Amino acid sequence: MTPARFNFTTDVVERLGRERPNAEALRSISVDGDRHSYTYGDVASEAGRMAGALQALGVERGQGVMTLMGARPAWVFALLGAWRLGAVAMPCSEQLRSNDIAFRLRQARPAVVLYAERDREQLEAALDLIEEPPRCVSVDEGGLPVSTAPTATATEWNDPALTIFTSGTVGEPRGVVHTQRYLWGQSVQAQHWLGARRGELVWCTAASGWSKSARNSFVAPWSTGAACLVHEGRFDPSERLTVMAREQVNVLCQAPTEYRMIAKRASLEGLRLPALRHLVSAGEPLNPEVMRVFADALGLDIHDGYGQTETGQLTGMPAGVQVRPGSMGRALPGFTLEVLDEHGSPNDEGELCLDPASVPTFFRGYLGAEPFDGERWHTGDRVRRDPEGFLWFEGRMDDVILSAGYRIGPFEVESALVQHPAVAEAAAVSAPDEERGAVVRAIVVLREGQHAGEELARQLQEHVKLTTAPYKYPRILEFRERLPKTASGKIKRAELRAERP
């Protein structure tokens, strides 16, 4: 039963700080390789100090605190401090460019932005694009005021706590607003899918700013009394294995692309990871052949799972259950999920839908819109359910591109392309890829007088990287005289997807 009042920082972190003050809670590795360990007592104290600093900066209950930095202790403490005040954390990816940042600033209007010095250039460029810039403080230059912990705010379960922006499908990205209830509800997936145990070390490798990172880097592990590892370095398959062995990671949560790249580019032969006990994956379906590589080398199965930014984790291959390679598991306990055919009737194949009232991690609504009050949420994903209740992902029912765990809206890529003076029209679709699951494929119609060629294709790819987040750029780019369209002028993306690039 959901409590009437809940605050993750006070009810979970500070409680653990009192009960187990000397137990390790957080271990960090900086981009330079520096290591640091924090106990639960340390984390509770740092969260209080951050809350005091934010209050000194003028942050009040219900206001936003945007972060633009990597997976580092300051990022963790910023979210905890915001929640302690009853403020709303808005973690952003460091891959965002100035246009992306400016859009989020206009939509969310945070009171304060906490940023890493290496992100200053993009942030300052974004500030030049908006009329009322917020206060911005670097966490690398001692800019945070020193303050004692203020009295904690008694937040209600439906008070806003977290805003995560999704990729737009037919328009701009939308801010998804989650409440304190979302943080409380992470205990379900933490127990039944992530499977972390008290005293273990959990490493969720997702970069700060993504929904999986916000919930699995520390919220879910601490819900079970485990410790967490945050690593600021870029992904390298061999280094990932080295860090896992050196730090004696017990539970690993990483993207399917990372599992694929490790299986393809790193040697697992003779690898010893005696502390590693449990592997989980989420973001997109994981290839059964990759799962077999890890099972053969480590004797461990990868437990796949499924969720959306709006819903949080919905399914998972249960901890302790024999894995069905290729399946995203069953609905989490207590979650009511339905598979509906094109007529809206229950079936074994169709769209995955859910009852929001049964999902404690379901979002309150989109930023700037009324709270969602529908009786059913349509995920837009097509699945198959087998006789044992296991679900199998079959594909998107819309045009979202799922690449390396990122959800990329075609509109964002197309908008970036048509900003280039050589481009008249553009369409972005998904193309299969062995490592990433899928990549962005762009079909471009040039303006009159422009000439197609490899050099122009490279220029357009670099243009997209500079205009929006680099991971959205089209790895496949083709030139055409025209795009296939319906009678009403809509691009036939299904027809383009069906082609072989």
Protein backbone atom coordinates (compact mmCIF):
# COMPACT_ATOMS: atom_id res chain seq x y z
CA MET A 1 0.00 0.00 0.00
CA THR A 2 1.37 3.42 -0.96
CA PRO A 3 2.04 5.62 2.09
CA ALA A 4 0.27 8.96 2.24
CA ARG A 5 3.60 10.66 2.87
CA PHE A 6 6.96 9.61 1.51
CA ASN A 7 10.32 11.23 0.88
CA PHE A 8 13.05 9.02 -0.54
CA THR A 9 15.89 10.99 1.03
CA THR A 10 14.50 11.02 4.56
CA ASP A 11 12.57 7.74 4.60
CA VAL A 12 15.20 5.58 2.87
CA VAL A 13 18.61 7.26 2.85
CA GLU A 14 18.52 8.91 6.27
CA ARG A 15 16.91 5.84 7.82
CA LEU A 16 19.77 3.70 6.50
CA GLY A 17 22.18 6.37 7.75
CA ARG A 18 20.83 5.80 11.25
CA GLU A 19 20.50 2.01 11.05
CA ARG A 20 23.76 1.22 9.20
CA PRO A 21 25.89 4.39 9.37
CA ASN A 22 29.17 2.59 8.63
CA ALA A 23 27.97 0.33 5.81
CA GLU A 24 29.14 1.27 2.31
CA ALA A 25 26.42 2.95 0.25
CA LEU A 26 28.19 4.57 -2.68
CA ARG A 27 31.47 3.90 -4.49
CA SER A 28 32.59 6.28 -7.21
CA ILE A 29 35.22 6.20 -9.95
CA SER A 30 35.97 9.53 -11.61
CA VAL A 31 36.86 10.11 -15.24
CA ASP A 32 40.50 10.22 -14.08
CA GLY A 33 40.20 6.91 -12.25
CA ASP A 34 40.06 8.32 -8.71
CA ARG A 35 38.07 6.11 -6.31
CA HIS A 36 36.05 7.17 -3.31
CA SER A 37 33.71 5.37 -0.95
CA TYR A 38 30.79 6.79 1.05
CA THR A 39 28.93 5.10 3.89
CA TYR A 40 25.20 5.47 4.39
CA GLY A 41 26.02 7.95 7.15
CA ASP A 42 28.17 9.94 4.71
CA VAL A 43 25.48 9.96 2.03
CA ALA A 44 22.82 11.14 4.47
CA SER A 45 25.10 13.98 5.60
CA GLU A 46 25.99 14.97 2.03
CA ALA A 47 22.32 14.95 1.03
CA GLY A 48 21.56 17.31 3.93
CA ARG A 49 24.38 19.65 2.98
CA MET A 50 23.24 19.68 -0.66
CA ALA A 51 19.68 20.46 0.44
CA GLY A 52 21.06 23.38 2.46
CA ALA A 53 23.10 24.62 -0.50
CA LEU A 54 20.09 24.45 -2.82
CA GLN A 55 17.96 26.29 -0.30
CA ALA A 56 20.66 28.97 -0.02
CA LEU A 57 20.52 29.29 -3.81
CA GLY A 58 16.81 30.06 -3.52
CA VAL A 59 15.33 26.67 -4.42
CA GLU A 60 11.90 26.13 -2.91
CA ARG A 61 9.49 23.24 -2.72
CA GLY A 62 8.12 22.30 -6.14
CA GLN A 63 10.85 24.14 -8.09
CA GLY A 64 13.22 22.41 -10.47
CA VAL A 65 16.89 21.56 -10.08
CA MET A 66 18.49 20.68 -13.39
CA THR A 67 21.76 18.72 -13.44
CA LEU A 68 24.21 18.56 -16.33
CA MET A 69 27.10 16.35 -15.28
CA GLY A 70 28.30 12.76 -15.40
CA ALA A 71 27.71 9.89 -13.01
CA ARG A 72 29.54 11.32 -10.02
CA PRO A 73 28.76 11.75 -6.30
CA ALA A 74 27.69 15.38 -6.81
CA TRP A 75 25.00 14.18 -9.23
CA VAL A 76 23.67 11.69 -6.67
CA PHE A 77 23.73 14.25 -3.87
CA ALA A 78 22.02 16.86 -6.07
CA LEU A 79 19.03 14.59 -6.64
CA LEU A 80 18.88 13.59 -2.98
CA GLY A 81 19.14 17.21 -1.84
CA ALA A 82 16.38 18.29 -4.21
CA TRP A 83 14.05 15.54 -2.99
CA ARG A 84 14.78 16.39 0.65
CA LEU A 85 13.56 19.94 -0.05
CA GLY A 86 10.51 18.74 -1.95
CA ALA A 87 12.06 20.11 -5.15
CA VAL A 88 11.99 18.42 -8.56
CA ALA A 89 15.20 16.92 -9.95
CA MET A 90 15.75 17.17 -13.70
CA PRO A 91 18.86 15.16 -14.67
CA CYS A 92 20.08 15.78 -18.22
CA SER A 93 22.50 13.88 -20.42
CA GLU A 94 25.88 15.40 -21.15
CA GLN A 95 25.35 14.44 -24.78
CA LEU A 96 22.74 17.17 -25.20
CA ARG A 97 23.70 20.14 -27.34
CA SER A 98 22.80 23.79 -26.78
CA ASN A 99 19.49 23.57 -28.69
CA ASP A 100 18.43 20.52 -26.65
CA ILE A 101 19.40 22.19 -23.37
CA ALA A 102 17.64 25.45 -24.26
CA PHE A 103 14.46 23.56 -25.12
CA ARG A 104 14.48 21.84 -21.72
CA LEU A 105 15.17 25.10 -19.91
CA ARG A 106 12.21 26.77 -21.62
CA GLN A 107 9.87 23.88 -20.87
CA ALA A 108 10.86 23.08 -17.27
CA ARG A 109 12.06 26.53 -16.10
CA PRO A 110 14.31 25.19 -13.31
CA ALA A 111 15.34 27.49 -10.49
CA VAL A 112 18.95 26.29 -10.58
CA VAL A 113 21.25 24.41 -12.95
CA LEU A 114 24.15 22.46 -11.45
CA TYR A 115 26.73 21.62 -14.10
CA ALA A 116 30.19 20.14 -14.65
CA GLU A 117 32.83 22.52 -15.95
CA ARG A 118 33.31 20.44 -19.10
CA ASP A 119 29.66 21.17 -20.00
CA ARG A 120 29.95 24.94 -19.59
CA GLU A 121 30.29 25.74 -23.31
CA GLN A 122 27.08 24.01 -24.36
CA LEU A 123 25.19 25.38 -21.35
CA GLU A 124 26.29 28.97 -21.98
CA ALA A 125 25.31 28.65 -25.65
CA ALA A 126 21.89 27.42 -24.50
CA LEU A 127 21.50 30.33 -22.09
CA ASP A 128 21.99 32.74 -24.99
CA LEU A 129 18.90 31.20 -26.63
CA ILE A 130 16.44 31.82 -23.78
CA GLU A 131 14.95 35.00 -22.33
CA GLU A 132 15.02 34.25 -18.60
CA PRO A 133 18.09 32.13 -17.78
CA PRO A 134 18.15 30.35 -14.41
CA ARG A 135 20.96 30.56 -11.89
CA CYS A 136 23.81 28.25 -12.94
CA VAL A 137 26.46 26.87 -10.58
CA SER A 138 29.49 24.75 -11.44
CA VAL A 139 30.04 21.78 -9.14
CA ASP A 140 33.74 21.78 -10.08
CA GLU A 141 34.67 25.25 -8.82
CA GLY A 142 33.32 25.30 -5.30
CA GLY A 143 30.38 27.38 -6.42
CA LEU A 144 27.92 25.67 -4.10
CA PRO A 145 27.33 27.61 -0.90
CA VAL A 146 28.26 25.87 2.33
CA SER A 147 25.18 25.38 4.48
CA THR A 148 23.83 23.13 7.19
CA ALA A 149 21.00 20.73 6.51
CA PRO A 150 17.60 22.44 6.66
CA THR A 151 14.50 20.87 8.14
CA ALA A 152 13.36 18.17 5.75
CA THR A 153 10.16 18.74 3.81
CA ALA A 154 7.34 16.28 4.50
CA THR A 155 6.35 15.43 0.93
CA GLU A 156 3.17 13.69 -0.14
CA TRP A 157 3.35 10.54 -2.26
CA ASN A 158 2.03 12.42 -5.32
CA ASP A 159 4.34 15.44 -5.02
CA PRO A 160 6.50 15.87 -8.14
CA ALA A 161 10.07 14.63 -7.65
CA LEU A 162 11.62 13.90 -11.05
CA THR A 163 11.30 15.16 -14.62
CA ILE A 164 12.82 13.12 -17.45
CA PHE A 165 12.54 14.19 -21.08
CA THR A 166 11.72 11.61 -23.72
CA SER A 167 12.47 11.68 -27.43
CA GLY A 168 9.57 13.02 -29.48
CA THR A 169 7.81 10.73 -31.92
CA VAL A 170 5.77 13.22 -33.94
CA GLY A 171 6.92 16.41 -32.25
CA GLU A 172 9.30 17.81 -29.67
CA PRO A 173 10.49 15.78 -26.65
CA ARG A 174 8.12 15.81 -23.69
CA GLY A 175 8.92 16.14 -20.03
CA VAL A 176 7.68 13.16 -18.02
CA VAL A 177 6.84 14.11 -14.44
CA HIS A 178 7.25 11.44 -11.76
CA THR A 179 6.34 11.74 -8.11
CA GLN A 180 7.76 10.53 -4.81
CA ARG A 181 5.53 7.49 -5.35
CA TYR A 182 7.75 6.58 -8.32
CA LEU A 183 10.79 6.49 -6.04
CA TRP A 184 8.92 4.42 -3.46
CA GLY A 185 7.73 2.00 -6.16
CA GLN A 186 11.25 1.12 -7.30
CA SER A 187 11.41 -1.41 -4.48
CA VAL A 188 9.27 -3.78 -6.58
CA GLN A 189 11.68 -4.13 -9.49
CA ALA A 190 14.64 -3.89 -7.09
CA GLN A 191 13.47 -7.02 -5.32
CA HIS A 192 12.00 -9.07 -8.15
CA TRP A 193 14.17 -8.18 -11.17
CA LEU A 194 17.33 -6.25 -10.26
CA GLY A 195 17.66 -8.72 -7.44
CA ALA A 196 20.16 -6.78 -5.34
CA ARG A 197 20.75 -7.99 -1.80
CA ARG A 198 21.78 -6.15 1.33
CA GLY A 199 25.52 -5.57 1.38
CA GLU A 200 26.05 -6.29 -2.32
CA LEU A 201 27.50 -3.88 -4.90
CA VAL A 202 25.28 -2.90 -7.86
CA TRP A 203 26.53 -1.22 -11.01
CA CYS A 204 23.98 0.36 -13.34
CA THR A 205 26.07 1.70 -16.21
CA ALA A 206 23.45 4.03 -17.75
CA ALA A 207 24.68 7.61 -18.18
CA SER A 208 23.18 10.23 -15.88
CA GLY A 209 20.16 11.85 -17.47
CA TRP A 210 18.41 8.69 -18.67
CA SER A 211 15.39 7.22 -16.90
CA LYS A 212 17.09 3.89 -16.18
CA SER A 213 20.00 5.70 -14.55
CA ALA A 214 17.73 7.84 -12.40
CA ARG A 215 16.03 4.76 -10.97
CA ASN A 216 18.68 2.02 -11.03
CA SER A 217 21.96 3.80 -10.31
CA PHE A 218 21.08 4.24 -6.64
CA VAL A 219 17.32 4.42 -5.94
CA ALA A 220 16.60 0.74 -6.56
CA PRO A 221 19.81 -0.61 -4.93
CA TRP A 222 19.27 1.46 -1.79
CA SER A 223 15.68 0.23 -1.64
CA THR A 224 17.12 -3.20 -0.79
CA GLY A 225 20.04 -1.98 1.32
CA ALA A 226 22.70 -2.65 -1.35
CA ALA A 227 25.59 -0.37 -2.28
CA CYS A 228 25.99 1.19 -5.73
CA LEU A 229 28.87 2.01 -8.04
CA VAL A 230 28.93 5.13 -10.23
CA HIS A 231 31.59 5.35 -12.93
CA GLU A 232 32.21 8.53 -14.92
CA GLY A 233 34.40 7.04 -17.66
CA ARG A 234 33.28 6.33 -21.22
CA PHE A 235 32.31 2.81 -22.19
CA ASP A 236 35.14 0.51 -23.21
CA PRO A 237 34.38 -3.24 -23.41
CA SER A 238 37.69 -4.43 -21.92
CA GLU A 239 37.75 -1.77 -19.22
CA ARG A 240 34.18 -2.63 -18.25
CA LEU A 241 35.29 -6.19 -17.45
CA THR A 242 38.40 -4.95 -15.61
CA VAL A 243 36.35 -2.64 -13.40
CA MET A 244 33.82 -5.38 -12.66
CA ALA A 245 36.60 -7.71 -11.53
CA ARG A 246 38.55 -5.12 -9.52
CA GLU A 247 35.52 -3.68 -7.73
CA GLN A 248 33.91 -7.12 -7.20
CA VAL A 249 30.55 -6.09 -8.63
CA ASN A 250 27.73 -8.44 -7.60
CA VAL A 251 24.88 -7.19 -9.79
CA LEU A 252 25.36 -5.63 -13.23
CA CYS A 253 22.67 -3.64 -15.03
CA GLN A 254 23.66 -2.46 -18.49
CA ALA A 255 22.24 -1.78 -21.93
CA PRO A 256 21.87 -4.53 -24.55
CA THR A 257 24.34 -2.70 -26.78
CA GLU A 258 26.99 -2.91 -24.09
CA TYR A 259 26.43 -6.64 -23.72
CA ARG A 260 26.68 -7.00 -27.51
CA MET A 261 29.88 -4.99 -27.74
CA ILE A 262 31.51 -6.91 -24.90
CA ALA A 263 30.55 -10.21 -26.52
CA LYS A 264 31.98 -9.11 -29.86
CA ARG A 265 35.02 -7.01 -28.93
CA ALA A 266 36.29 -8.28 -25.57
CA SER A 267 37.68 -11.66 -24.66
CA LEU A 268 35.58 -13.56 -22.12
CA GLU A 269 37.76 -16.68 -22.29
CA GLY A 270 39.25 -17.45 -18.91
CA LEU A 271 37.62 -14.41 -17.35
CA ARG A 272 37.16 -14.69 -13.59
CA LEU A 273 34.40 -12.70 -11.94
CA PRO A 274 33.70 -14.70 -8.78
CA ALA A 275 31.72 -11.90 -7.10
CA LEU A 276 29.35 -11.44 -10.04
CA ARG A 277 26.02 -13.09 -9.26
CA HIS A 278 23.28 -11.49 -11.36
CA LEU A 279 23.02 -9.82 -14.79
CA VAL A 280 20.11 -7.70 -16.00
CA SER A 281 19.39 -5.82 -19.21
CA ALA A 282 16.69 -3.38 -20.32
CA GLY A 283 16.08 -0.81 -23.01
CA GLU A 284 15.48 -3.04 -26.04
CA PRO A 285 15.37 -6.79 -26.75
CA LEU A 286 18.65 -8.63 -26.20
CA ASN A 287 19.79 -11.15 -28.79
CA PRO A 288 19.64 -14.77 -27.54
CA GLU A 289 23.05 -15.47 -29.10
CA VAL A 290 24.63 -12.73 -26.94
CA MET A 291 22.99 -14.23 -23.88
CA ARG A 292 24.54 -17.58 -24.76
CA VAL A 293 28.02 -16.04 -24.95
CA PHE A 294 27.75 -14.77 -21.37
CA ALA A 295 26.14 -17.98 -20.13
CA ASP A 296 28.95 -20.08 -21.63
CA ALA A 297 31.73 -17.82 -20.32
CA LEU A 298 30.39 -16.88 -16.88
CA GLY A 299 27.70 -19.44 -16.16
CA LEU A 300 25.22 -16.58 -15.70
CA ASP A 301 22.04 -15.80 -17.58
CA ILE A 302 21.06 -12.23 -18.46
CA HIS A 303 17.63 -11.30 -17.10
CA ASP A 304 15.91 -9.03 -19.59
CA GLY A 305 13.25 -6.48 -18.65
CA TYR A 306 11.00 -3.82 -20.14
CA GLY A 307 9.74 -0.38 -19.22
CA GLN A 308 9.13 3.11 -20.53
CA THR A 309 10.08 6.56 -19.29
CA GLU A 310 6.42 7.15 -18.44
CA THR A 311 5.86 3.84 -16.67
CA GLY A 312 9.13 2.79 -15.08
CA GLN A 313 10.02 -0.89 -15.12
CA LEU A 314 6.98 -3.02 -16.00
CA THR A 315 8.33 -6.51 -16.64
CA GLY A 316 11.38 -8.55 -15.89
CA MET A 317 12.73 -12.04 -16.12
CA PRO A 318 12.35 -12.81 -12.41
CA ALA A 319 15.45 -13.29 -10.29
CA GLY A 320 15.86 -16.99 -9.53
CA VAL A 321 13.74 -18.12 -12.49
CA GLN A 322 15.13 -19.98 -15.50
CA VAL A 323 15.69 -17.44 -18.26
CA ARG A 324 13.84 -17.70 -21.57
CA PRO A 325 16.35 -16.14 -24.00
CA GLY A 326 14.65 -13.40 -25.99
CA SER A 327 11.80 -12.85 -23.52
CA MET A 328 11.40 -9.67 -21.49
CA GLY A 329 9.92 -11.67 -18.64
CA ARG A 330 6.63 -11.39 -16.84
CA ALA A 331 4.71 -8.46 -15.41
CA LEU A 332 6.16 -7.36 -12.07
CA PRO A 333 4.11 -8.54 -9.06
CA GLY A 334 0.90 -6.53 -8.66
CA PHE A 335 1.19 -4.84 -12.07
CA THR A 336 -1.83 -5.37 -14.33
CA LEU A 337 -0.68 -5.64 -17.95
CA GLU A 338 -2.88 -6.54 -20.91
CA VAL A 339 -2.19 -7.58 -24.50
CA LEU A 340 -4.89 -6.16 -26.77
CA ASP A 341 -5.46 -6.86 -30.45
CA GLU A 342 -6.42 -4.27 -33.07
CA HIS A 343 -10.03 -4.46 -31.86
CA GLY A 344 -9.11 -3.73 -28.26
CA SER A 345 -9.84 -7.30 -27.15
CA PRO A 346 -7.52 -9.42 -24.96
CA ASN A 347 -5.29 -11.64 -27.04
CA ASP A 348 -1.93 -13.38 -26.96
CA GLU A 349 -0.54 -10.96 -29.55
CA GLY A 350 -1.06 -7.23 -29.81
CA GLU A 351 -0.30 -3.97 -28.06
CA LEU A 352 0.96 -4.02 -24.49
CA CYS A 353 -1.34 -1.91 -22.30
CA LEU A 354 -1.58 -1.39 -18.56
CA ASP A 355 -3.82 -0.27 -15.74
CA PRO A 356 -2.08 2.86 -14.33
CA ALA A 357 -3.64 2.36 -10.90
CA SER A 358 -1.76 -0.94 -10.52
CA VAL A 359 1.67 0.52 -11.35
CA PRO A 360 3.22 2.61 -8.53
CA THR A 361 5.92 3.91 -10.89
CA PHE A 362 3.43 5.32 -13.43
CA PHE A 363 4.00 8.99 -14.21
CA ARG A 364 1.77 11.83 -13.06
CA GLY A 365 1.60 13.47 -16.47
CA TYR A 366 3.56 15.42 -19.03
CA LEU A 367 5.17 18.71 -18.13
CA GLY A 368 2.74 21.57 -18.71
CA ALA A 369 -0.23 19.25 -19.19
CA GLU A 370 -3.00 17.98 -16.95
CA PRO A 371 -2.23 14.81 -14.97
CA PHE A 372 -2.97 11.59 -16.85
CA ASP A 373 -6.33 10.25 -15.67
CA GLY A 374 -7.10 7.54 -18.21
CA GLU A 375 -8.07 4.02 -17.21
CA ARG A 376 -5.60 2.41 -19.61
CA TRP A 377 -2.13 3.30 -20.89
CA HIS A 378 -1.13 2.22 -24.39
CA THR A 379 2.60 1.56 -24.62
CA GLY A 380 2.72 1.54 -28.42
CA ASP A 381 4.73 -1.69 -28.33
CA ARG A 382 3.62 -4.94 -29.92
CA VAL A 383 4.24 -8.09 -27.87
CA ARG A 384 3.42 -11.77 -27.75
CA ARG A 385 2.48 -13.60 -24.55
CA ASP A 386 3.21 -17.32 -24.24
CA PRO A 387 1.11 -19.82 -22.22
CA GLU A 388 3.34 -19.33 -19.15
CA GLY A 389 2.78 -15.59 -19.14
CA PHE A 390 6.20 -14.59 -20.48
CA LEU A 391 6.18 -11.63 -22.85
CA TRP A 392 8.14 -11.34 -26.10
CA PHE A 393 8.77 -7.99 -27.79
CA GLU A 394 7.83 -7.91 -31.48
CA GLY A 395 8.35 -4.28 -32.44
CA ARG A 396 7.17 -0.72 -32.16
CA MET A 397 3.68 0.14 -33.25
CA ASP A 398 4.88 3.64 -34.14
CA ASP A 399 8.04 5.02 -35.67
CA VAL A 400 10.34 5.37 -32.67
CA ILE A 401 13.86 4.15 -33.34
CA LEU A 402 15.32 2.02 -30.54
CA SER A 403 19.09 2.22 -30.89
CA ALA A 404 21.57 1.08 -28.24
CA GLY A 405 18.94 1.59 -25.55
CA TYR A 406 18.11 5.13 -26.71
CA ARG A 407 14.65 6.04 -27.94
CA ILE A 408 15.11 8.36 -30.92
CA GLY A 409 12.17 10.18 -32.46
CA PRO A 410 12.40 10.49 -36.26
CA PHE A 411 11.16 14.06 -35.98
CA GLU A 412 14.29 15.11 -34.10
CA VAL A 413 16.65 13.69 -36.73
CA GLU A 414 14.59 15.03 -39.62
CA SER A 415 14.40 18.48 -38.04
CA ALA A 416 18.17 18.58 -37.66
CA LEU A 417 18.72 17.50 -41.27
CA VAL A 418 16.37 20.01 -42.85
CA GLN A 419 18.15 22.82 -40.99
CA HIS A 420 21.10 22.20 -43.33
CA PRO A 421 20.94 24.50 -46.38
CA ALA A 422 21.46 21.60 -48.78
CA VAL A 423 18.45 19.58 -47.58
CA ALA A 424 14.87 19.98 -48.84
CA GLU A 425 13.25 16.97 -47.15
CA ALA A 426 14.33 14.09 -44.94
CA ALA A 427 12.92 10.93 -43.42
CA ALA A 428 14.47 8.94 -40.58
CA VAL A 429 13.70 5.28 -39.97
CA SER A 430 15.19 2.33 -38.16
CA ALA A 431 17.64 -0.05 -39.82
CA PRO A 432 18.77 -3.32 -38.17
CA ASP A 433 22.27 -3.41 -36.70
CA GLU A 434 24.13 -6.34 -35.13
CA GLU A 435 25.57 -4.42 -32.18
CA ARG A 436 23.08 -1.62 -31.53
CA GLY A 437 19.94 -3.54 -32.37
CA ALA A 438 19.06 -0.74 -34.75
CA VAL A 439 20.60 2.46 -36.12
CA VAL A 440 19.18 5.62 -37.63
CA ARG A 441 18.83 5.51 -41.42
CA ALA A 442 18.11 8.82 -43.11
CA ILE A 443 16.74 9.30 -46.62
CA VAL A 444 17.44 12.82 -47.86
CA VAL A 445 16.04 14.88 -50.74
CA LEU A 446 18.42 17.69 -51.69
CA ARG A 447 17.57 21.23 -52.69
CA GLU A 448 17.84 22.17 -56.33
CA GLY A 449 21.44 22.71 -57.40
CA GLN A 450 22.91 20.47 -54.68
CA HIS A 451 24.85 17.33 -55.59
CA ALA A 452 24.82 14.06 -53.68
CA GLY A 453 28.05 12.38 -52.68
CA GLU A 454 30.04 10.83 -49.85
CA GLU A 455 31.49 14.18 -48.77
CA LEU A 456 28.04 15.76 -48.43
CA ALA A 457 26.79 12.67 -46.56
CA ARG A 458 29.60 13.08 -44.02
CA GLN A 459 28.83 16.78 -43.69
CA LEU A 460 25.17 16.04 -42.97
CA GLN A 461 26.10 13.42 -40.36
CA GLU A 462 28.38 15.91 -38.60
CA HIS A 463 25.67 18.58 -38.84
CA VAL A 464 23.21 16.33 -36.99
CA LYS A 465 25.82 15.59 -34.29
CA LEU A 466 26.32 19.32 -33.72
CA THR A 467 22.63 20.21 -33.87
CA THR A 468 21.28 17.56 -31.51
CA ALA A 469 22.65 14.79 -29.28
CA PRO A 470 25.39 12.89 -31.19
CA TYR A 471 23.82 9.46 -30.66
CA LYS A 472 20.91 10.53 -32.88
CA TYR A 473 22.97 11.00 -36.04
CA PRO A 474 22.13 8.79 -39.06
CA ARG A 475 24.78 6.11 -39.44
CA ILE A 476 23.21 5.27 -42.80
CA LEU A 477 22.45 8.18 -45.12
CA GLU A 478 20.95 7.90 -48.60
CA PHE A 479 19.97 10.43 -51.24
CA ARG A 480 16.72 10.25 -53.23
CA GLU A 481 14.85 12.47 -55.66
CA ARG A 482 11.63 12.09 -53.66
CA LEU A 483 10.17 10.41 -50.58
CA PRO A 484 7.25 7.95 -50.69
CA LYS A 485 4.15 9.66 -49.31
CA THR A 486 0.48 9.04 -48.70
CA ALA A 487 -2.25 10.99 -50.48
CA SER A 488 -2.37 13.36 -47.54
CA GLY A 489 1.36 14.04 -47.79
CA LYS A 490 2.57 11.88 -44.88
CA ILE A 491 5.85 10.03 -45.33
CA LYS A 492 5.42 6.28 -45.69
CA ARG A 493 7.96 5.28 -43.07
CA ALA A 494 6.73 1.70 -42.99
CA GLU A 495 7.61 1.39 -46.67
CA LEU A 496 11.08 2.82 -46.04
CA ARG A 497 11.66 0.53 -43.07
CA ALA A 498 10.76 -2.49 -45.19
CA GLU A 499 13.55 -1.71 -47.64
CA ARG A 500 17.00 -3.17 -47.27
CA PRO A 501 19.52 -0.31 -46.96
